[in-house]
Amino acid sequence: METEAEHWLDLGKRLGIEVIAPFELEVASLQLRFTALLPQFGAPRGMIVDSDSDALWSHRKELIAAGYGYSCVEGSGPADFNVEREMLTDWGWSSEAPKPDWLDS
């Protein structure tokens, strides 16, 4: 069984997007660790994803102030790429790099 971080790395490979997993960030003198960062989506510095809503919620102000978006996304099972592509489309492309073809379809 793959971990949540492995799930996001696999999704990145399959969809041709950048994924950093796991993702560590220092805010307010705290070292935080989240499942993944998708730097090309959502907020200016990307979307942080994690299944622990409490961890995200308790640091939401710091994450937003640092330029990140965040989303509680559960599961590490087989990817439903249609659902995940829809979620990524909703977040929007925030990178200066050319967006993948599937994002417009």
PDB file of N, CA and C in Angstrom:
ATOM      1  N   MET A   1       0.842  -1.175   0.000  1.00  0.00           N
ATOM      2  CA  MET A   1       0.000   0.000   0.000  1.00  0.00           C
ATOM      3  C   MET A   1       0.888   1.240   0.000  1.00  0.00           C
ATOM      4  N   GLU A   2       0.590   2.194  -0.874  1.00  0.00           N
ATOM      5  CA  GLU A   2       1.411   3.391  -0.956  1.00  0.00           C
ATOM      6  C   GLU A   2       1.004   4.415   0.102  1.00  0.00           C
ATOM      7  N   THR A   3       1.956   5.224   0.483  1.00  0.00           N
ATOM      8  CA  THR A   3       1.677   6.291   1.438  1.00  0.00           C
ATOM      9  C   THR A   3       0.981   7.444   0.714  1.00  0.00           C
ATOM     10  N   GLU A   4       0.458   8.385   1.490  1.00  0.00           N
ATOM     11  CA  GLU A   4      -0.179   9.548   0.873  1.00  0.00           C
ATOM     12  C   GLU A   4       0.829  10.351   0.052  1.00  0.00           C
ATOM     13  N   ALA A   5       2.054  10.502   0.553  1.00  0.00           N
ATOM     14  CA  ALA A   5       3.075  11.227  -0.205  1.00  0.00           C
ATOM     15  C   ALA A   5       3.369  10.521  -1.529  1.00  0.00           C
ATOM     16  N   GLU A   6       3.478   9.202  -1.489  1.00  0.00           N
ATOM     17  CA  GLU A   6       3.719   8.437  -2.724  1.00  0.00           C
ATOM     18  C   GLU A   6       2.553   8.592  -3.695  1.00  0.00           C
ATOM     19  N   HIS A   7       1.360   8.642  -3.167  1.00  0.00           N
ATOM     20  CA  HIS A   7       0.166   8.841  -4.000  1.00  0.00           C
ATOM     21  C   HIS A   7       0.271  10.151  -4.786  1.00  0.00           C
ATOM     22  N   TRP A   8       0.656  11.229  -4.089  1.00  0.00           N
ATOM     23  CA  TRP A   8       0.758  12.532  -4.759  1.00  0.00           C
ATOM     24  C   TRP A   8       1.923  12.556  -5.741  1.00  0.00           C
ATOM     25  N   LEU A   9       3.039  11.913  -5.409  1.00  0.00           N
ATOM     26  CA  LEU A   9       4.152  11.834  -6.352  1.00  0.00           C
ATOM     27  C   LEU A   9       3.755  11.077  -7.609  1.00  0.00           C
ATOM     28  N   ASP A  10       3.001  10.000  -7.441  1.00  0.00           N
ATOM     29  CA  ASP A  10       2.508   9.231  -8.581  1.00  0.00           C
ATOM     30  C   ASP A  10       1.566  10.078  -9.436  1.00  0.00           C
ATOM     31  N   LEU A  11       0.687  10.800  -8.786  1.00  0.00           N
ATOM     32  CA  LEU A  11      -0.227  11.680  -9.519  1.00  0.00           C
ATOM     33  C   LEU A  11       0.560  12.703 -10.335  1.00  0.00           C
ATOM     34  N   GLY A  12       1.600  13.278  -9.714  1.00  0.00           N
ATOM     35  CA  GLY A  12       2.421  14.247 -10.428  1.00  0.00           C
ATOM     36  C   GLY A  12       3.063  13.661 -11.674  1.00  0.00           C
ATOM     37  N   LYS A  13       3.594  12.462 -11.564  1.00  0.00           N
ATOM     38  CA  LYS A  13       4.204  11.802 -12.723  1.00  0.00           C
ATOM     39  C   LYS A  13       3.175  11.545 -13.810  1.00  0.00           C
ATOM     40  N   ARG A  14       2.024  11.042 -13.421  1.00  0.00           N
ATOM     41  CA  ARG A  14       0.997  10.692 -14.411  1.00  0.00           C
ATOM     42  C   ARG A  14       0.415  11.920 -15.116  1.00  0.00           C
ATOM     43  N   LEU A  15       0.307  13.027 -14.378  1.00  0.00           N
ATOM     44  CA  LEU A  15      -0.304  14.225 -14.957  1.00  0.00           C
ATOM     45  C   LEU A  15       0.715  15.242 -15.463  1.00  0.00           C
ATOM     46  N   GLY A  16       2.005  14.992 -15.240  1.00  0.00           N
ATOM     47  CA  GLY A  16       3.033  15.895 -15.714  1.00  0.00           C
ATOM     48  C   GLY A  16       3.061  17.221 -14.957  1.00  0.00           C
ATOM     49  N   ILE A  17       2.862  17.148 -13.634  1.00  0.00           N
ATOM     50  CA  ILE A  17       2.884  18.345 -12.799  1.00  0.00           C
ATOM     51  C   ILE A  17       3.928  18.175 -11.704  1.00  0.00           C
ATOM     52  N   GLU A  18       4.352  19.292 -11.142  1.00  0.00           N
ATOM     53  CA  GLU A  18       5.337  19.243 -10.061  1.00  0.00           C
ATOM     54  C   GLU A  18       4.643  18.942  -8.735  1.00  0.00           C
ATOM     55  N   VAL A  19       5.218  18.017  -7.989  1.00  0.00           N
ATOM     56  CA  VAL A  19       4.730  17.668  -6.655  1.00  0.00           C
ATOM     57  C   VAL A  19       5.943  17.511  -5.743  1.00  0.00           C
ATOM     58  N   ILE A  20       5.890  18.146  -4.597  1.00  0.00           N
ATOM     59  CA  ILE A  20       6.927  17.990  -3.578  1.00  0.00           C
ATOM     60  C   ILE A  20       6.288  17.244  -2.415  1.00  0.00           C
ATOM     61  N   ALA A  21       6.758  16.035  -2.173  1.00  0.00           N
ATOM     62  CA  ALA A  21       6.132  15.211  -1.128  1.00  0.00           C
ATOM     63  C   ALA A  21       7.176  14.331  -0.473  1.00  0.00           C
ATOM     64  N   PRO A  22       7.218  14.347   0.835  1.00  0.00           N
ATOM     65  CA  PRO A  22       6.485  15.233   1.736  1.00  0.00           C
ATOM     66  C   PRO A  22       7.021  16.658   1.622  1.00  0.00           C
ATOM     67  N   PHE A  23       6.283  17.613   2.205  1.00  0.00           N
ATOM     68  CA  PHE A  23       6.652  19.017   2.142  1.00  0.00           C
ATOM     69  C   PHE A  23       6.863  19.556   3.552  1.00  0.00           C
ATOM     70  N   GLU A  24       8.042  20.124   3.778  1.00  0.00           N
ATOM     71  CA  GLU A  24       8.357  20.712   5.082  1.00  0.00           C
ATOM     72  C   GLU A  24       8.493  22.220   4.939  1.00  0.00           C
ATOM     73  N   LEU A  25       8.007  22.926   5.963  1.00  0.00           N
ATOM     74  CA  LEU A  25       7.971  24.373   5.925  1.00  0.00           C
ATOM     75  C   LEU A  25       8.163  24.905   7.339  1.00  0.00           C
ATOM     76  N   GLU A  26       8.963  25.948   7.468  1.00  0.00           N
ATOM     77  CA  GLU A  26       9.116  26.588   8.773  1.00  0.00           C
ATOM     78  C   GLU A  26       8.273  27.856   8.795  1.00  0.00           C
ATOM     79  N   VAL A  27       7.343  27.938   9.741  1.00  0.00           N
ATOM     80  CA  VAL A  27       6.536  29.139   9.954  1.00  0.00           C
ATOM     81  C   VAL A  27       6.456  29.402  11.450  1.00  0.00           C
ATOM     82  N   ALA A  28       6.556  30.674  11.792  1.00  0.00           N
ATOM     83  CA  ALA A  28       6.449  31.084  13.198  1.00  0.00           C
ATOM     84  C   ALA A  28       7.350  30.230  14.100  1.00  0.00           C
ATOM     85  N   SER A  29       8.568  30.007  13.646  1.00  0.00           N
ATOM     86  CA  SER A  29       9.560  29.215  14.389  1.00  0.00           C
ATOM     87  C   SER A  29       9.157  27.762  14.607  1.00  0.00           C
ATOM     88  N   LEU A  30       8.199  27.283  13.855  1.00  0.00           N
ATOM     89  CA  LEU A  30       7.782  25.882  13.918  1.00  0.00           C
ATOM     90  C   LEU A  30       8.158  25.180  12.622  1.00  0.00           C
ATOM     91  N   GLN A  31       8.651  23.965  12.740  1.00  0.00           N
ATOM     92  CA  GLN A  31       8.937  23.143  11.570  1.00  0.00           C
ATOM     93  C   GLN A  31       7.719  22.274  11.312  1.00  0.00           C
ATOM     94  N   LEU A  32       7.020  22.543  10.208  1.00  0.00           N
ATOM     95  CA  LEU A  32       5.799  21.809   9.870  1.00  0.00           C
ATOM     96  C   LEU A  32       6.069  20.832   8.746  1.00  0.00           C
ATOM     97  N   ARG A  33       5.344  19.733   8.767  1.00  0.00           N
ATOM     98  CA  ARG A  33       5.471  18.712   7.714  1.00  0.00           C
ATOM     99  C   ARG A  33       4.075  18.366   7.231  1.00  0.00           C
ATOM    100  N   PHE A  34       3.880  18.471   5.927  1.00  0.00           N
ATOM    101  CA  PHE A  34       2.605  18.163   5.296  1.00  0.00           C
ATOM    102  C   PHE A  34       2.803  17.084   4.239  1.00  0.00           C
ATOM    103  N   THR A  35       1.718  16.502   3.811  1.00  0.00           N
ATOM    104  CA  THR A  35       1.795  15.421   2.831  1.00  0.00           C
ATOM    105  C   THR A  35       2.456  15.871   1.543  1.00  0.00           C
ATOM    106  N   ALA A  36       2.012  17.004   0.976  1.00  0.00           N
ATOM    107  CA  ALA A  36       2.559  17.428  -0.315  1.00  0.00           C
ATOM    108  C   ALA A  36       2.300  18.900  -0.579  1.00  0.00           C
ATOM    109  N   LEU A  37       3.100  19.442  -1.486  1.00  0.00           N
ATOM    110  CA  LEU A  37       2.903  20.777  -2.039  1.00  0.00           C
ATOM    111  C   LEU A  37       2.782  20.633  -3.539  1.00  0.00           C
ATOM    112  N   LEU A  38       1.773  21.267  -4.106  1.00  0.00           N
ATOM    113  CA  LEU A  38       1.610  21.351  -5.553  1.00  0.00           C
ATOM    114  C   LEU A  38       1.869  22.809  -5.927  1.00  0.00           C
ATOM    115  N   PRO A  39       3.141  23.142  -6.216  1.00  0.00           N
ATOM    116  CA  PRO A  39       3.532  24.541  -6.374  1.00  0.00           C
ATOM    117  C   PRO A  39       2.975  25.239  -7.604  1.00  0.00           C
ATOM    118  N   GLN A  40       2.399  24.509  -8.528  1.00  0.00           N
ATOM    119  CA  GLN A  40       1.892  25.108  -9.757  1.00  0.00           C
ATOM    120  C   GLN A  40       0.394  25.417  -9.713  1.00  0.00           C
ATOM    121  N   PHE A  41      -0.234  25.182  -8.583  1.00  0.00           N
ATOM    122  CA  PHE A  41      -1.684  25.334  -8.499  1.00  0.00           C
ATOM    123  C   PHE A  41      -2.099  26.255  -7.364  1.00  0.00           C
ATOM    124  N   GLY A  42      -3.239  26.906  -7.562  1.00  0.00           N
ATOM    125  CA  GLY A  42      -3.887  27.662  -6.498  1.00  0.00           C
ATOM    126  C   GLY A  42      -3.190  28.955  -6.162  1.00  0.00           C
ATOM    127  N   ALA A  43      -2.749  29.062  -4.935  1.00  0.00           N
ATOM    128  CA  ALA A  43      -2.142  30.280  -4.399  1.00  0.00           C
ATOM    129  C   ALA A  43      -0.787  30.545  -5.068  1.00  0.00           C
ATOM    130  N   PRO A  44      -0.254  31.754  -4.892  1.00  0.00           N
ATOM    131  CA  PRO A  44       1.018  32.106  -5.547  1.00  0.00           C
ATOM    132  C   PRO A  44       2.164  31.126  -5.295  1.00  0.00           C
ATOM    133  N   ARG A  45       2.253  30.551  -4.088  1.00  0.00           N
ATOM    134  CA  ARG A  45       3.334  29.600  -3.795  1.00  0.00           C
ATOM    135  C   ARG A  45       2.869  28.153  -3.853  1.00  0.00           C
ATOM    136  N   GLY A  46       1.608  27.942  -4.243  1.00  0.00           N
ATOM    137  CA  GLY A  46       1.095  26.599  -4.427  1.00  0.00           C
ATOM    138  C   GLY A  46       0.102  26.171  -3.365  1.00  0.00           C
ATOM    139  N   MET A  47      -0.386  24.947  -3.541  1.00  0.00           N
ATOM    140  CA  MET A  47      -1.370  24.353  -2.642  1.00  0.00           C
ATOM    141  C   MET A  47      -0.711  23.273  -1.807  1.00  0.00           C
ATOM    142  N   ILE A  48      -0.887  23.394  -0.497  1.00  0.00           N
ATOM    143  CA  ILE A  48      -0.435  22.364   0.436  1.00  0.00           C
ATOM    144  C   ILE A  48      -1.606  21.419   0.659  1.00  0.00           C
ATOM    145  N   VAL A  49      -1.359  20.118   0.554  1.00  0.00           N
ATOM    146  CA  VAL A  49      -2.401  19.126   0.799  1.00  0.00           C
ATOM    147  C   VAL A  49      -1.982  18.225   1.949  1.00  0.00           C
ATOM    148  N   ASP A  50      -2.967  17.865   2.747  1.00  0.00           N
ATOM    149  CA  ASP A  50      -2.732  16.976   3.873  1.00  0.00           C
ATOM    150  C   ASP A  50      -4.076  16.403   4.294  1.00  0.00           C
ATOM    151  N   SER A  51      -4.066  15.228   4.883  1.00  0.00           N
ATOM    152  CA  SER A  51      -5.314  14.619   5.349  1.00  0.00           C
ATOM    153  C   SER A  51      -5.668  15.047   6.772  1.00  0.00           C
ATOM    154  N   ASP A  52      -4.760  15.743   7.443  1.00  0.00           N
ATOM    155  CA  ASP A  52      -4.993  16.193   8.813  1.00  0.00           C
ATOM    156  C   ASP A  52      -5.545  17.622   8.796  1.00  0.00           C
ATOM    157  N   SER A  53      -6.850  17.745   8.827  1.00  0.00           N
ATOM    158  CA  SER A  53      -7.470  19.067   8.758  1.00  0.00           C
ATOM    159  C   SER A  53      -7.081  19.943   9.944  1.00  0.00           C
ATOM    160  N   ASP A  54      -6.866  19.340  11.112  1.00  0.00           N
ATOM    161  CA  ASP A  54      -6.464  20.124  12.287  1.00  0.00           C
ATOM    162  C   ASP A  54      -5.100  20.783  12.082  1.00  0.00           C
ATOM    163  N   ALA A  55      -4.161  20.053  11.491  1.00  0.00           N
ATOM    164  CA  ALA A  55      -2.826  20.606  11.242  1.00  0.00           C
ATOM    165  C   ALA A  55      -2.911  21.777  10.263  1.00  0.00           C
ATOM    166  N   LEU A  56      -3.713  21.632   9.233  1.00  0.00           N
ATOM    167  CA  LEU A  56      -3.878  22.716   8.269  1.00  0.00           C
ATOM    168  C   LEU A  56      -4.583  23.907   8.904  1.00  0.00           C
ATOM    169  N   TRP A  57      -5.680  23.627   9.577  1.00  0.00           N
ATOM    170  CA  TRP A  57      -6.509  24.691  10.139  1.00  0.00           C
ATOM    171  C   TRP A  57      -5.756  25.489  11.209  1.00  0.00           C
ATOM    172  N   SER A  58      -4.979  24.810  12.036  1.00  0.00           N
ATOM    173  CA  SER A  58      -4.281  25.493  13.121  1.00  0.00           C
ATOM    174  C   SER A  58      -3.176  26.422  12.614  1.00  0.00           C
ATOM    175  N   HIS A  59      -2.748  26.238  11.370  1.00  0.00           N
ATOM    176  CA  HIS A  59      -1.689  27.078  10.804  1.00  0.00           C
ATOM    177  C   HIS A  59      -2.164  27.864   9.592  1.00  0.00           C
ATOM    178  N   ARG A  60      -3.456  27.952   9.403  1.00  0.00           N
ATOM    179  CA  ARG A  60      -4.021  28.569   8.197  1.00  0.00           C
ATOM    180  C   ARG A  60      -3.553  30.014   7.999  1.00  0.00           C
ATOM    181  N   LYS A  61      -3.530  30.816   9.053  1.00  0.00           N
ATOM    182  CA  LYS A  61      -3.126  32.227   8.914  1.00  0.00           C
ATOM    183  C   LYS A  61      -1.680  32.341   8.453  1.00  0.00           C
ATOM    184  N   GLU A  62      -0.818  31.528   9.026  1.00  0.00           N
ATOM    185  CA  GLU A  62       0.592  31.555   8.651  1.00  0.00           C
ATOM    186  C   GLU A  62       0.789  31.063   7.214  1.00  0.00           C
ATOM    187  N   LEU A  63       0.065  30.021   6.836  1.00  0.00           N
ATOM    188  CA  LEU A  63       0.189  29.494   5.478  1.00  0.00           C
ATOM    189  C   LEU A  63      -0.251  30.530   4.455  1.00  0.00           C
ATOM    190  N   ILE A  64      -1.390  31.159   4.708  1.00  0.00           N
ATOM    191  CA  ILE A  64      -1.901  32.167   3.780  1.00  0.00           C
ATOM    192  C   ILE A  64      -0.943  33.363   3.713  1.00  0.00           C
ATOM    193  N   ALA A  65      -0.447  33.813   4.881  1.00  0.00           N
ATOM    194  CA  ALA A  65       0.486  34.935   4.911  1.00  0.00           C
ATOM    195  C   ALA A  65       1.769  34.621   4.140  1.00  0.00           C
ATOM    196  N   ALA A  66       2.167  33.359   4.117  1.00  0.00           N
ATOM    197  CA  ALA A  66       3.372  32.937   3.397  1.00  0.00           C
ATOM    198  C   ALA A  66       3.107  32.692   1.910  1.00  0.00           C
ATOM    199  N   GLY A  67       1.850  32.843   1.468  1.00  0.00           N
ATOM    200  CA  GLY A  67       1.536  32.703   0.046  1.00  0.00           C
ATOM    201  C   GLY A  67       1.050  31.344  -0.391  1.00  0.00           C
ATOM    202  N   TYR A  68       0.705  30.483   0.564  1.00  0.00           N
ATOM    203  CA  TYR A  68       0.236  29.142   0.241  1.00  0.00           C
ATOM    204  C   TYR A  68      -1.278  29.046   0.385  1.00  0.00           C
ATOM    205  N   GLY A  69      -1.867  28.194  -0.421  1.00  0.00           N
ATOM    206  CA  GLY A  69      -3.228  27.747  -0.195  1.00  0.00           C
ATOM    207  C   GLY A  69      -3.135  26.394   0.478  1.00  0.00           C
ATOM    208  N   TYR A  70      -4.261  25.881   0.922  1.00  0.00           N
ATOM    209  CA  TYR A  70      -4.227  24.570   1.572  1.00  0.00           C
ATOM    210  C   TYR A  70      -5.557  23.862   1.359  1.00  0.00           C
ATOM    211  N   SER A  71      -5.498  22.544   1.399  1.00  0.00           N
ATOM    212  CA  SER A  71      -6.704  21.743   1.238  1.00  0.00           C
ATOM    213  C   SER A  71      -6.531  20.419   1.969  1.00  0.00           C
ATOM    214  N   CYS A  72      -7.576  20.041   2.665  1.00  0.00           N
ATOM    215  CA  CYS A  72      -7.588  18.739   3.315  1.00  0.00           C
ATOM    216  C   CYS A  72      -8.076  17.723   2.293  1.00  0.00           C
ATOM    217  N   VAL A  73      -7.181  16.833   1.905  1.00  0.00           N
ATOM    218  CA  VAL A  73      -7.494  15.810   0.914  1.00  0.00           C
ATOM    219  C   VAL A  73      -7.109  14.478   1.518  1.00  0.00           C
ATOM    220  N   GLU A  74      -8.084  13.600   1.668  1.00  0.00           N
ATOM    221  CA  GLU A  74      -7.832  12.307   2.304  1.00  0.00           C
ATOM    222  C   GLU A  74      -7.642  11.218   1.269  1.00  0.00           C
ATOM    223  N   GLY A  75      -6.934  10.195   1.714  1.00  0.00           N
ATOM    224  CA  GLY A  75      -6.829   8.992   0.904  1.00  0.00           C
ATOM    225  C   GLY A  75      -5.471   8.809   0.287  1.00  0.00           C
ATOM    226  N   SER A  76      -5.085   7.565   0.191  1.00  0.00           N
ATOM    227  CA  SER A  76      -3.838   7.223  -0.484  1.00  0.00           C
ATOM    228  C   SER A  76      -4.033   5.978  -1.335  1.00  0.00           C
ATOM    229  N   GLY A  77      -5.282   5.683  -1.620  1.00  0.00           N
ATOM    230  CA  GLY A  77      -5.593   4.518  -2.436  1.00  0.00           C
ATOM    231  C   GLY A  77      -5.388   4.804  -3.901  1.00  0.00           C
ATOM    232  N   PRO A  78      -5.827   3.901  -4.750  1.00  0.00           N
ATOM    233  CA  PRO A  78      -5.683   4.106  -6.185  1.00  0.00           C
ATOM    234  C   PRO A  78      -6.318   5.431  -6.596  1.00  0.00           C
ATOM    235  N   ALA A  79      -5.579   6.196  -7.367  1.00  0.00           N
ATOM    236  CA  ALA A  79      -6.041   7.528  -7.746  1.00  0.00           C
ATOM    237  C   ALA A  79      -7.231   7.458  -8.697  1.00  0.00           C
ATOM    238  N   ASP A  80      -8.197   8.292  -8.433  1.00  0.00           N
ATOM    239  CA  ASP A  80      -9.272   8.540  -9.384  1.00  0.00           C
ATOM    240  C   ASP A  80      -8.868   9.814 -10.115  1.00  0.00           C
ATOM    241  N   PHE A  81      -8.139   9.640 -11.213  1.00  0.00           N
ATOM    242  CA  PHE A  81      -7.531  10.783 -11.874  1.00  0.00           C
ATOM    243  C   PHE A  81      -8.553  11.773 -12.394  1.00  0.00           C
ATOM    244  N   ASN A  82      -9.747  11.346 -12.749  1.00  0.00           N
ATOM    245  CA  ASN A  82     -10.763  12.294 -13.195  1.00  0.00           C
ATOM    246  C   ASN A  82     -11.171  13.224 -12.063  1.00  0.00           C
ATOM    247  N   VAL A  83     -11.370  12.670 -10.867  1.00  0.00           N
ATOM    248  CA  VAL A  83     -11.731  13.491  -9.711  1.00  0.00           C
ATOM    249  C   VAL A  83     -10.586  14.425  -9.363  1.00  0.00           C
ATOM    250  N   GLU A  84      -9.362  13.919  -9.339  1.00  0.00           N
ATOM    251  CA  GLU A  84      -8.223  14.746  -8.973  1.00  0.00           C
ATOM    252  C   GLU A  84      -7.931  15.805 -10.025  1.00  0.00           C
ATOM    253  N   ARG A  85      -8.101  15.493 -11.281  1.00  0.00           N
ATOM    254  CA  ARG A  85      -7.937  16.500 -12.333  1.00  0.00           C
ATOM    255  C   ARG A  85      -8.973  17.599 -12.169  1.00  0.00           C
ATOM    256  N   GLU A  86     -10.189  17.243 -11.813  1.00  0.00           N
ATOM    257  CA  GLU A  86     -11.239  18.239 -11.589  1.00  0.00           C
ATOM    258  C   GLU A  86     -10.865  19.149 -10.415  1.00  0.00           C
ATOM    259  N   MET A  87     -10.345  18.568  -9.346  1.00  0.00           N
ATOM    260  CA  MET A  87      -9.921  19.347  -8.187  1.00  0.00           C
ATOM    261  C   MET A  87      -8.805  20.317  -8.583  1.00  0.00           C
ATOM    262  N   LEU A  88      -7.814  19.844  -9.317  1.00  0.00           N
ATOM    263  CA  LEU A  88      -6.716  20.694  -9.748  1.00  0.00           C
ATOM    264  C   LEU A  88      -7.210  21.805 -10.671  1.00  0.00           C
ATOM    265  N   THR A  89      -8.141  21.489 -11.534  1.00  0.00           N
ATOM    266  CA  THR A  89      -8.729  22.491 -12.418  1.00  0.00           C
ATOM    267  C   THR A  89      -9.432  23.566 -11.595  1.00  0.00           C
ATOM    268  N   ASP A  90     -10.158  23.155 -10.564  1.00  0.00           N
ATOM    269  CA  ASP A  90     -10.832  24.118  -9.681  1.00  0.00           C
ATOM    270  C   ASP A  90      -9.819  25.038  -8.995  1.00  0.00           C
ATOM    271  N   TRP A  91      -8.679  24.503  -8.579  1.00  0.00           N
ATOM    272  CA  TRP A  91      -7.666  25.321  -7.916  1.00  0.00           C
ATOM    273  C   TRP A  91      -7.056  26.332  -8.873  1.00  0.00           C
ATOM    274  N   GLY A  92      -6.934  25.969 -10.134  1.00  0.00           N
ATOM    275  CA  GLY A  92      -6.366  26.845 -11.149  1.00  0.00           C
ATOM    276  C   GLY A  92      -4.848  26.771 -11.218  1.00  0.00           C
ATOM    277  N   TRP A  93      -4.340  27.034 -12.394  1.00  0.00           N
ATOM    278  CA  TRP A  93      -2.904  27.012 -12.670  1.00  0.00           C
ATOM    279  C   TRP A  93      -2.314  28.342 -12.228  1.00  0.00           C
ATOM    280  N   SER A  94      -1.278  28.325 -11.408  1.00  0.00           N
ATOM    281  CA  SER A  94      -0.687  29.566 -10.909  1.00  0.00           C
ATOM    282  C   SER A  94       0.781  29.726 -11.298  1.00  0.00           C
ATOM    283  N   SER A  95       1.265  28.855 -12.134  1.00  0.00           N
ATOM    284  CA  SER A  95       2.667  28.856 -12.530  1.00  0.00           C
ATOM    285  C   SER A  95       2.863  29.662 -13.809  1.00  0.00           C
ATOM    286  N   GLU A  96       4.078  30.199 -13.963  1.00  0.00           N
ATOM    287  CA  GLU A  96       4.429  30.866 -15.214  1.00  0.00           C
ATOM    288  C   GLU A  96       4.767  29.859 -16.304  1.00  0.00           C
ATOM    289  N   ALA A  97       5.036  28.626 -15.913  1.00  0.00           N
ATOM    290  CA  ALA A  97       5.330  27.562 -16.879  1.00  0.00           C
ATOM    291  C   ALA A  97       4.066  27.245 -17.675  1.00  0.00           C
ATOM    292  N   PRO A  98       4.223  26.757 -18.891  1.00  0.00           N
ATOM    293  CA  PRO A  98       3.039  26.381 -19.672  1.00  0.00           C
ATOM    294  C   PRO A  98       2.228  25.304 -18.939  1.00  0.00           C
ATOM    295  N   LYS A  99       0.923  25.475 -18.934  1.00  0.00           N
ATOM    296  CA  LYS A  99       0.092  24.485 -18.254  1.00  0.00           C
ATOM    297  C   LYS A  99      -0.079  23.251 -19.126  1.00  0.00           C
ATOM    298  N   PRO A 100      -0.323  22.104 -18.498  1.00  0.00           N
ATOM    299  CA  PRO A 100      -0.489  20.865 -19.253  1.00  0.00           C
ATOM    300  C   PRO A 100      -1.752  20.916 -20.113  1.00  0.00           C
ATOM    301  N   ASP A 101      -1.701  20.196 -21.228  1.00  0.00           N
ATOM    302  CA  ASP A 101      -2.827  20.178 -22.161  1.00  0.00           C
ATOM    303  C   ASP A 101      -4.128  19.720 -21.516  1.00  0.00           C
ATOM    304  N   TRP A 102      -4.057  18.757 -20.612  1.00  0.00           N
ATOM    305  CA  TRP A 102      -5.270  18.203 -20.013  1.00  0.00           C
ATOM    306  C   TRP A 102      -6.016  19.238 -19.176  1.00  0.00           C
ATOM    307  N   LEU A 103      -5.339  20.305 -18.754  1.00  0.00           N
ATOM    308  CA  LEU A 103      -5.964  21.293 -17.895  1.00  0.00           C
ATOM    309  C   LEU A 103      -7.019  22.106 -18.637  1.00  0.00           C
ATOM    310  N   ASP A 104      -6.916  22.188 -19.939  1.00  0.00           N
ATOM    311  CA  ASP A 104      -7.910  22.917 -20.729  1.00  0.00           C
ATOM    312  C   ASP A 104      -9.017  22.024 -21.264  1.00  0.00           C
ATOM    313  N   SER A 105      -8.856  20.720 -21.067  1.00  0.00           N
ATOM    314  CA  SER A 105      -9.864  19.803 -21.644  1.00  0.00           C
ATOM    315  C   SER A 105     -11.000  19.533 -20.688  1.00  0.00           C
TER     316      SER A 105
END
